[in-house]
Amino acid sequence: MYAEERQQAILERARARGRVDVTALAEEYSVTTETIRRDLTFLERHGVLRRVYGGAIPVERLGFEPALATREAVLTAEKKRIAKAALEELPDEGSILLDAGSTTARFAEELPTDRELTVVTHAVKIALHLATRPNITLMLLGGRLRSRTLATVDSWALHALSEIFVDVAFIGTNGISVERGLTTPDPAEAVIKRAAIASSRRCVLLADHTKVGNDHFTRFAELKDIDTFITDDGIDGAAADELADAGPRVVKV
């Protein structure tokens, strides 16, 4: 097994079990504990694991919020599939809201050039990508800029959201579970997400399977607030059924 294959397998195991142990991994893969430690260090530098005594824990389990650049480099193929599938939820014309996040940013890249859309966003990167599109009327929400997500928050953004009503809101999340709904680490981001959902006729959640079963500090929505949840085929089948029973239509791609 190549190092890249072993590292991917370690990451998948950590996400499935919540933790991995150095000694157990060394025995399973028939390598030294030093090799496993190097693997864990590599994964930690890429922002997907956090080293702890004797092993590692996926960052999702720690309530840790990786920077946008880190998140954009993870699960890129899955996010692209989610983004392409989300095109089916676009209105023929009208208005949409794009939440900040790595998957919604990928969706922004997929927006078609053959229909007139008004796009509202509080994500600077999304705004910069769409700024030169002649078919798009871009509305960038102001406010305090969070460096970790490159998104605006607080009262200025909230005031603007309270005065608009869009056809579809495309939302991201750090965690989703039947027990806790949709959650995110930062309360200021949570308030904006909650207002974005309230300002829309329909809400579509775009999130990869690693978000499922994770709970973070602040809840911003319940499952019944979401009309459609688009995720990748890595999601556990039973988990997908439980989420669908609680409210949203679940689309696996």
C-alpha atoms as a PDB file:
ATOM      1  CA  MET A   1       0.000   0.000   0.000  1.00  0.00           C
ATOM      2  CA  TYR A   2       1.301   3.431  -0.956  1.00  0.00           C
ATOM      3  CA  ALA A   3       1.612   6.105   1.723  1.00  0.00           C
ATOM      4  CA  GLU A   4      -1.180   8.170   0.135  1.00  0.00           C
ATOM      5  CA  GLU A   5      -3.556   5.197   0.206  1.00  0.00           C
ATOM      6  CA  ARG A   6      -2.704   4.430   3.836  1.00  0.00           C
ATOM      7  CA  GLN A   7      -3.190   8.054   4.868  1.00  0.00           C
ATOM      8  CA  GLN A   8      -6.598   8.187   3.187  1.00  0.00           C
ATOM      9  CA  ALA A   9      -7.596   4.951   4.915  1.00  0.00           C
ATOM     10  CA  ILE A  10      -6.446   6.336   8.273  1.00  0.00           C
ATOM     11  CA  LEU A  11      -8.479   9.497   7.747  1.00  0.00           C
ATOM     12  CA  GLU A  12     -11.611   7.536   6.825  1.00  0.00           C
ATOM     13  CA  ARG A  13     -11.214   5.338   9.893  1.00  0.00           C
ATOM     14  CA  ALA A  14     -10.749   8.349  12.169  1.00  0.00           C
ATOM     15  CA  ARG A  15     -13.920   9.940  10.823  1.00  0.00           C
ATOM     16  CA  ALA A  16     -15.892   6.706  11.164  1.00  0.00           C
ATOM     17  CA  ARG A  17     -14.714   5.823  14.685  1.00  0.00           C
ATOM     18  CA  GLY A  18     -13.908   9.239  16.119  1.00  0.00           C
ATOM     19  CA  ARG A  19     -10.273   8.351  16.904  1.00  0.00           C
ATOM     20  CA  VAL A  20      -7.328   6.262  15.689  1.00  0.00           C
ATOM     21  CA  ASP A  21      -4.539   4.677  17.735  1.00  0.00           C
ATOM     22  CA  VAL A  22      -0.913   4.652  16.589  1.00  0.00           C
ATOM     23  CA  THR A  23      -0.070   1.147  17.821  1.00  0.00           C
ATOM     24  CA  ALA A  24      -3.205  -0.437  16.376  1.00  0.00           C
ATOM     25  CA  LEU A  25      -2.649   1.212  13.002  1.00  0.00           C
ATOM     26  CA  ALA A  26       0.984   0.089  12.895  1.00  0.00           C
ATOM     27  CA  GLU A  27      -0.046  -3.504  13.521  1.00  0.00           C
ATOM     28  CA  GLU A  28      -2.847  -3.415  10.958  1.00  0.00           C
ATOM     29  CA  TYR A  29      -0.743  -1.947   8.166  1.00  0.00           C
ATOM     30  CA  SER A  30       2.440  -3.822   9.104  1.00  0.00           C
ATOM     31  CA  VAL A  31       4.532  -0.676   9.402  1.00  0.00           C
ATOM     32  CA  THR A  32       6.427   0.947  12.247  1.00  0.00           C
ATOM     33  CA  THR A  33       4.804   3.299  14.725  1.00  0.00           C
ATOM     34  CA  GLU A  34       7.163   5.992  13.424  1.00  0.00           C
ATOM     35  CA  THR A  35       5.635   5.588   9.956  1.00  0.00           C
ATOM     36  CA  ILE A  36       2.134   5.981  11.381  1.00  0.00           C
ATOM     37  CA  ARG A  37       3.193   9.068  13.325  1.00  0.00           C
ATOM     38  CA  ARG A  38       4.531  10.593  10.115  1.00  0.00           C
ATOM     39  CA  ASP A  39       1.192   9.806   8.451  1.00  0.00           C
ATOM     40  CA  LEU A  40      -0.682  11.505  11.270  1.00  0.00           C
ATOM     41  CA  THR A  41       1.611  14.520  11.122  1.00  0.00           C
ATOM     42  CA  PHE A  42       0.992  14.789   7.381  1.00  0.00           C
ATOM     43  CA  LEU A  43      -2.769  14.651   7.895  1.00  0.00           C
ATOM     44  CA  GLU A  44      -2.601  17.186  10.716  1.00  0.00           C
ATOM     45  CA  ARG A  45      -0.674  19.622   8.515  1.00  0.00           C
ATOM     46  CA  HIS A  46      -3.466  19.316   5.960  1.00  0.00           C
ATOM     47  CA  GLY A  47      -5.964  20.315   8.626  1.00  0.00           C
ATOM     48  CA  VAL A  48      -8.045  17.131   8.720  1.00  0.00           C
ATOM     49  CA  LEU A  49      -6.743  15.446  11.905  1.00  0.00           C
ATOM     50  CA  ARG A  50      -5.567  16.733  15.260  1.00  0.00           C
ATOM     51  CA  ARG A  51      -2.805  14.767  17.019  1.00  0.00           C
ATOM     52  CA  VAL A  52      -3.574  13.625  20.576  1.00  0.00           C
ATOM     53  CA  TYR A  53      -1.657  11.371  22.958  1.00  0.00           C
ATOM     54  CA  GLY A  54      -1.341   7.926  21.357  1.00  0.00           C
ATOM     55  CA  GLY A  55      -3.244   8.751  18.202  1.00  0.00           C
ATOM     56  CA  ALA A  56      -5.384  11.353  16.477  1.00  0.00           C
ATOM     57  CA  ILE A  57      -8.926  12.713  16.275  1.00  0.00           C
ATOM     58  CA  PRO A  58     -10.651  14.181  13.194  1.00  0.00           C
ATOM     59  CA  VAL A  59     -11.053  17.935  13.467  1.00  0.00           C
ATOM     60  CA  GLU A  60     -14.832  17.579  13.098  1.00  0.00           C
ATOM     61  CA  ARG A  61     -14.981  15.851  16.493  1.00  0.00           C
ATOM     62  CA  LEU A  62     -13.134  18.671  18.227  1.00  0.00           C
ATOM     63  CA  GLY A  63     -15.445  21.475  17.191  1.00  0.00           C
ATOM     64  CA  PHE A  64     -12.405  22.964  15.464  1.00  0.00           C
ATOM     65  CA  GLU A  65     -13.092  25.214  12.479  1.00  0.00           C
ATOM     66  CA  PRO A  66     -10.425  24.856   9.777  1.00  0.00           C
ATOM     67  CA  ALA A  67      -9.607  27.859   7.618  1.00  0.00           C
ATOM     68  CA  LEU A  68     -11.359  28.146   4.248  1.00  0.00           C
ATOM     69  CA  ALA A  69      -8.226  27.289   2.268  1.00  0.00           C
ATOM     70  CA  THR A  70      -7.807  24.077   4.270  1.00  0.00           C
ATOM     71  CA  ARG A  71     -11.410  23.014   3.720  1.00  0.00           C
ATOM     72  CA  GLU A  72     -11.220  23.728   0.006  1.00  0.00           C
ATOM     73  CA  ALA A  73      -8.389  21.211  -0.375  1.00  0.00           C
ATOM     74  CA  VAL A  74     -10.359  18.330   1.182  1.00  0.00           C
ATOM     75  CA  LEU A  75     -12.863  16.047  -0.613  1.00  0.00           C
ATOM     76  CA  THR A  76     -12.638  18.099  -3.794  1.00  0.00           C
ATOM     77  CA  ALA A  77     -14.174  15.441  -6.064  1.00  0.00           C
ATOM     78  CA  GLU A  78     -17.135  14.962  -3.736  1.00  0.00           C
ATOM     79  CA  LYS A  79     -17.751  18.699  -3.470  1.00  0.00           C
ATOM     80  CA  LYS A  80     -17.676  19.059  -7.225  1.00  0.00           C
ATOM     81  CA  ARG A  81     -20.323  16.335  -7.598  1.00  0.00           C
ATOM     82  CA  ILE A  82     -22.481  18.020  -4.963  1.00  0.00           C
ATOM     83  CA  ALA A  83     -22.112  21.368  -6.730  1.00  0.00           C
ATOM     84  CA  LYS A  84     -23.128  19.943 -10.102  1.00  0.00           C
ATOM     85  CA  ALA A  85     -26.147  18.199  -8.589  1.00  0.00           C
ATOM     86  CA  ALA A  86     -27.222  21.446  -6.918  1.00  0.00           C
ATOM     87  CA  LEU A  87     -27.681  23.052 -10.346  1.00  0.00           C
ATOM     88  CA  GLU A  88     -30.982  21.169 -10.537  1.00  0.00           C
ATOM     89  CA  GLU A  89     -32.254  23.334  -7.678  1.00  0.00           C
ATOM     90  CA  LEU A  90     -31.614  26.637  -9.455  1.00  0.00           C
ATOM     91  CA  PRO A  91     -34.579  28.716 -10.617  1.00  0.00           C
ATOM     92  CA  ASP A  92     -34.749  29.483 -14.357  1.00  0.00           C
ATOM     93  CA  GLU A  93     -34.431  33.114 -13.345  1.00  0.00           C
ATOM     94  CA  GLY A  94     -34.763  35.005 -10.094  1.00  0.00           C
ATOM     95  CA  SER A  95     -32.718  35.301  -6.928  1.00  0.00           C
ATOM     96  CA  ILE A  96     -30.546  32.959  -4.882  1.00  0.00           C
ATOM     97  CA  LEU A  97     -28.434  33.265  -1.751  1.00  0.00           C
ATOM     98  CA  LEU A  98     -25.036  31.600  -1.447  1.00  0.00           C
ATOM     99  CA  ASP A  99     -23.793  30.963   2.079  1.00  0.00           C
ATOM    100  CA  ALA A 100     -20.081  31.022   2.877  1.00  0.00           C
ATOM    101  CA  GLY A 101     -18.279  27.679   2.678  1.00  0.00           C
ATOM    102  CA  SER A 102     -16.033  25.501   0.541  1.00  0.00           C
ATOM    103  CA  THR A 103     -18.893  23.538  -1.065  1.00  0.00           C
ATOM    104  CA  THR A 104     -21.021  26.607  -1.779  1.00  0.00           C
ATOM    105  CA  ALA A 105     -17.919  28.239  -3.276  1.00  0.00           C
ATOM    106  CA  ARG A 106     -17.546  25.259  -5.589  1.00  0.00           C
ATOM    107  CA  PHE A 107     -21.229  25.607  -6.485  1.00  0.00           C
ATOM    108  CA  ALA A 108     -20.651  29.272  -7.396  1.00  0.00           C
ATOM    109  CA  GLU A 109     -18.042  28.132  -9.915  1.00  0.00           C
ATOM    110  CA  GLU A 110     -20.656  25.885 -11.573  1.00  0.00           C
ATOM    111  CA  LEU A 111     -23.351  28.552 -11.994  1.00  0.00           C
ATOM    112  CA  PRO A 112     -24.501  28.703 -15.626  1.00  0.00           C
ATOM    113  CA  THR A 113     -23.889  31.674 -17.863  1.00  0.00           C
ATOM    114  CA  ASP A 114     -27.144  31.352 -19.824  1.00  0.00           C
ATOM    115  CA  ARG A 115     -29.674  32.610 -17.268  1.00  0.00           C
ATOM    116  CA  GLU A 116     -30.235  35.860 -15.432  1.00  0.00           C
ATOM    117  CA  LEU A 117     -29.767  35.536 -11.670  1.00  0.00           C
ATOM    118  CA  THR A 118     -29.528  37.852  -8.709  1.00  0.00           C
ATOM    119  CA  VAL A 119     -27.002  36.373  -6.274  1.00  0.00           C
ATOM    120  CA  VAL A 120     -26.822  37.477  -2.643  1.00  0.00           C
ATOM    121  CA  THR A 121     -23.780  36.403  -0.620  1.00  0.00           C
ATOM    122  CA  HIS A 122     -21.757  37.326   2.433  1.00  0.00           C
ATOM    123  CA  ALA A 123     -18.748  35.344   1.183  1.00  0.00           C
ATOM    124  CA  VAL A 124     -15.985  37.502  -0.270  1.00  0.00           C
ATOM    125  CA  LYS A 125     -14.439  34.717  -2.321  1.00  0.00           C
ATOM    126  CA  ILE A 126     -17.764  33.877  -3.943  1.00  0.00           C
ATOM    127  CA  ALA A 127     -18.374  37.542  -4.680  1.00  0.00           C
ATOM    128  CA  LEU A 128     -14.966  37.952  -6.329  1.00  0.00           C
ATOM    129  CA  HIS A 129     -15.569  34.903  -8.511  1.00  0.00           C
ATOM    130  CA  LEU A 130     -18.974  36.129  -9.692  1.00  0.00           C
ATOM    131  CA  ALA A 131     -18.178  39.834  -9.974  1.00  0.00           C
ATOM    132  CA  THR A 132     -17.430  39.778 -13.704  1.00  0.00           C
ATOM    133  CA  ARG A 133     -20.340  37.565 -14.766  1.00  0.00           C
ATOM    134  CA  PRO A 134     -22.574  39.679 -17.072  1.00  0.00           C
ATOM    135  CA  ASN A 135     -25.646  37.506 -16.398  1.00  0.00           C
ATOM    136  CA  ILE A 136     -25.436  37.919 -12.623  1.00  0.00           C
ATOM    137  CA  THR A 137     -26.561  40.824 -10.481  1.00  0.00           C
ATOM    138  CA  LEU A 138     -24.348  40.491  -7.426  1.00  0.00           C
ATOM    139  CA  MET A 139     -25.398  41.699  -3.974  1.00  0.00           C
ATOM    140  CA  LEU A 140     -22.556  41.524  -1.421  1.00  0.00           C
ATOM    141  CA  LEU A 141     -23.612  41.824   2.218  1.00  0.00           C
ATOM    142  CA  GLY A 142     -21.502  44.149   4.349  1.00  0.00           C
ATOM    143  CA  GLY A 143     -20.364  43.718   7.942  1.00  0.00           C
ATOM    144  CA  ARG A 144     -17.429  42.521  10.003  1.00  0.00           C
ATOM    145  CA  LEU A 145     -15.204  40.189   7.990  1.00  0.00           C
ATOM    146  CA  ARG A 146     -14.214  36.905   9.658  1.00  0.00           C
ATOM    147  CA  SER A 147     -10.714  35.993   8.475  1.00  0.00           C
ATOM    148  CA  ARG A 148     -11.233  32.265   9.020  1.00  0.00           C
ATOM    149  CA  THR A 149     -14.196  32.021   6.639  1.00  0.00           C
ATOM    150  CA  LEU A 150     -13.765  35.251   4.625  1.00  0.00           C
ATOM    151  CA  ALA A 151     -17.431  35.972   5.310  1.00  0.00           C
ATOM    152  CA  THR A 152     -19.204  39.030   6.695  1.00  0.00           C
ATOM    153  CA  VAL A 153     -21.214  38.788   9.909  1.00  0.00           C
ATOM    154  CA  ASP A 154     -22.943  40.930  12.553  1.00  0.00           C
ATOM    155  CA  SER A 155     -25.536  43.689  12.374  1.00  0.00           C
ATOM    156  CA  TRP A 156     -24.889  45.184   8.923  1.00  0.00           C
ATOM    157  CA  ALA A 157     -25.279  41.824   7.216  1.00  0.00           C
ATOM    158  CA  LEU A 158     -28.294  40.962   9.369  1.00  0.00           C
ATOM    159  CA  HIS A 159     -30.054  44.209   8.513  1.00  0.00           C
ATOM    160  CA  ALA A 160     -29.688  43.541   4.786  1.00  0.00           C
ATOM    161  CA  LEU A 161     -30.947  39.968   5.146  1.00  0.00           C
ATOM    162  CA  SER A 162     -34.022  41.160   7.008  1.00  0.00           C
ATOM    163  CA  GLU A 163     -35.098  43.189   3.972  1.00  0.00           C
ATOM    164  CA  ILE A 164     -34.730  40.620   1.186  1.00  0.00           C
ATOM    165  CA  PHE A 165     -36.551  37.467   0.095  1.00  0.00           C
ATOM    166  CA  VAL A 166     -34.822  35.051  -2.308  1.00  0.00           C
ATOM    167  CA  ASP A 167     -36.126  32.071  -4.251  1.00  0.00           C
ATOM    168  CA  VAL A 168     -33.503  29.586  -3.010  1.00  0.00           C
ATOM    169  CA  ALA A 169     -30.840  29.723  -0.311  1.00  0.00           C
ATOM    170  CA  PHE A 170     -27.868  27.373  -0.730  1.00  0.00           C
ATOM    171  CA  ILE A 171     -26.469  26.797   2.749  1.00  0.00           C
ATOM    172  CA  GLY A 172     -23.376  25.082   4.143  1.00  0.00           C
ATOM    173  CA  THR A 173     -22.867  23.589   7.584  1.00  0.00           C
ATOM    174  CA  ASN A 174     -20.094  22.262   9.833  1.00  0.00           C
ATOM    175  CA  GLY A 175     -22.320  19.585  11.331  1.00  0.00           C
ATOM    176  CA  ILE A 176     -25.698  17.930  10.834  1.00  0.00           C
ATOM    177  CA  SER A 177     -27.438  15.368  13.001  1.00  0.00           C
ATOM    178  CA  VAL A 178     -30.959  14.200  13.787  1.00  0.00           C
ATOM    179  CA  GLU A 179     -30.471  15.097  17.436  1.00  0.00           C
ATOM    180  CA  ARG A 180     -29.037  18.612  17.061  1.00  0.00           C
ATOM    181  CA  GLY A 181     -29.961  19.763  13.581  1.00  0.00           C
ATOM    182  CA  LEU A 182     -27.477  22.015  11.769  1.00  0.00           C
ATOM    183  CA  THR A 183     -24.596  23.418  13.786  1.00  0.00           C
ATOM    184  CA  THR A 184     -21.497  25.585  13.361  1.00  0.00           C
ATOM    185  CA  PRO A 185     -18.663  26.597  15.733  1.00  0.00           C
ATOM    186  CA  ASP A 186     -19.114  30.377  15.583  1.00  0.00           C
ATOM    187  CA  PRO A 187     -22.249  32.100  16.983  1.00  0.00           C
ATOM    188  CA  ALA A 188     -21.897  35.084  14.634  1.00  0.00           C
ATOM    189  CA  GLU A 189     -21.873  32.793  11.595  1.00  0.00           C
ATOM    190  CA  ALA A 190     -24.842  30.906  13.034  1.00  0.00           C
ATOM    191  CA  VAL A 191     -26.929  34.076  13.264  1.00  0.00           C
ATOM    192  CA  ILE A 192     -26.231  34.897   9.600  1.00  0.00           C
ATOM    193  CA  LYS A 193     -27.072  31.360   8.475  1.00  0.00           C
ATOM    194  CA  ARG A 194     -30.337  31.456  10.445  1.00  0.00           C
ATOM    195  CA  ALA A 195     -31.291  34.778   8.854  1.00  0.00           C
ATOM    196  CA  ALA A 196     -30.356  33.504   5.392  1.00  0.00           C
ATOM    197  CA  ILE A 197     -32.691  30.523   5.757  1.00  0.00           C
ATOM    198  CA  ALA A 198     -35.486  32.794   6.992  1.00  0.00           C
ATOM    199  CA  SER A 199     -35.062  35.034   3.934  1.00  0.00           C
ATOM    200  CA  SER A 200     -35.656  32.224   1.422  1.00  0.00           C
ATOM    201  CA  ARG A 201     -38.614  30.390  -0.079  1.00  0.00           C
ATOM    202  CA  ARG A 202     -36.621  27.155  -0.272  1.00  0.00           C
ATOM    203  CA  CYS A 203     -33.416  26.048   1.440  1.00  0.00           C
ATOM    204  CA  VAL A 204     -30.902  23.597  -0.052  1.00  0.00           C
ATOM    205  CA  LEU A 205     -28.106  22.265   2.138  1.00  0.00           C
ATOM    206  CA  LEU A 206     -24.790  21.424   0.433  1.00  0.00           C
ATOM    207  CA  ALA A 207     -22.500  19.342   2.641  1.00  0.00           C
ATOM    208  CA  ASP A 208     -20.231  16.338   2.252  1.00  0.00           C
ATOM    209  CA  HIS A 209     -20.739  13.150   4.276  1.00  0.00           C
ATOM    210  CA  THR A 210     -18.109  14.007   6.912  1.00  0.00           C
ATOM    211  CA  LYS A 211     -20.481  16.630   8.342  1.00  0.00           C
ATOM    212  CA  VAL A 212     -23.121  14.012   9.156  1.00  0.00           C
ATOM    213  CA  GLY A 213     -23.272  12.988  12.812  1.00  0.00           C
ATOM    214  CA  ASN A 214     -21.127  15.908  13.984  1.00  0.00           C
ATOM    215  CA  ASP A 215     -22.396  18.547  16.398  1.00  0.00           C
ATOM    216  CA  HIS A 216     -20.769  21.940  16.931  1.00  0.00           C
ATOM    217  CA  PHE A 217     -21.205  24.784  19.387  1.00  0.00           C
ATOM    218  CA  THR A 218     -24.162  26.683  17.916  1.00  0.00           C
ATOM    219  CA  ARG A 219     -27.334  25.414  16.270  1.00  0.00           C
ATOM    220  CA  PHE A 220     -28.668  27.577  13.447  1.00  0.00           C
ATOM    221  CA  ALA A 221     -31.426  25.399  11.982  1.00  0.00           C
ATOM    222  CA  GLU A 222     -33.524  22.308  12.532  1.00  0.00           C
ATOM    223  CA  LEU A 223     -33.853  19.603   9.903  1.00  0.00           C
ATOM    224  CA  LYS A 224     -37.419  20.656   9.135  1.00  0.00           C
ATOM    225  CA  ASP A 225     -36.033  24.031   7.971  1.00  0.00           C
ATOM    226  CA  ILE A 226     -34.195  22.309   5.097  1.00  0.00           C
ATOM    227  CA  ASP A 227     -36.037  21.313   1.921  1.00  0.00           C
ATOM    228  CA  THR A 228     -33.223  19.379   0.209  1.00  0.00           C
ATOM    229  CA  PHE A 229     -29.900  18.014   1.464  1.00  0.00           C
ATOM    230  CA  ILE A 230     -27.360  17.208  -1.267  1.00  0.00           C
ATOM    231  CA  THR A 231     -24.374  15.148  -0.153  1.00  0.00           C
ATOM    232  CA  ASP A 232     -21.923  12.612  -1.558  1.00  0.00           C
ATOM    233  CA  ASP A 233     -22.336   8.844  -1.697  1.00  0.00           C
ATOM    234  CA  GLY A 234     -19.972   8.368   1.244  1.00  0.00           C
ATOM    235  CA  ILE A 235     -22.866   8.959   3.618  1.00  0.00           C
ATOM    236  CA  ASP A 236     -23.991   5.966   5.645  1.00  0.00           C
ATOM    237  CA  GLY A 237     -27.286   4.617   4.298  1.00  0.00           C
ATOM    238  CA  ALA A 238     -28.963   4.361   7.676  1.00  0.00           C
ATOM    239  CA  ALA A 239     -27.900   7.914   8.556  1.00  0.00           C
ATOM    240  CA  ALA A 240     -29.315   9.208   5.277  1.00  0.00           C
ATOM    241  CA  ASP A 241     -32.648   7.493   5.981  1.00  0.00           C
ATOM    242  CA  GLU A 242     -32.814   8.974   9.489  1.00  0.00           C
ATOM    243  CA  LEU A 243     -32.168  12.471   8.165  1.00  0.00           C
ATOM    244  CA  ALA A 244     -34.804  12.066   5.453  1.00  0.00           C
ATOM    245  CA  ASP A 245     -37.350  10.852   7.996  1.00  0.00           C
ATOM    246  CA  ALA A 246     -36.707  14.026  10.025  1.00  0.00           C
ATOM    247  CA  GLY A 247     -37.455  16.426   7.189  1.00  0.00           C
ATOM    248  CA  PRO A 248     -35.298  17.083   4.108  1.00  0.00           C
ATOM    249  CA  ARG A 249     -35.175  15.203   0.844  1.00  0.00           C
ATOM    250  CA  VAL A 250     -31.699  13.611   0.777  1.00  0.00           C
ATOM    251  CA  VAL A 251     -29.869  13.442  -2.544  1.00  0.00           C
ATOM    252  CA  LYS A 252     -26.690  11.321  -2.743  1.00  0.00           C
ATOM    253  CA  VAL A 253     -24.269  11.875  -5.629  1.00  0.00           C
END
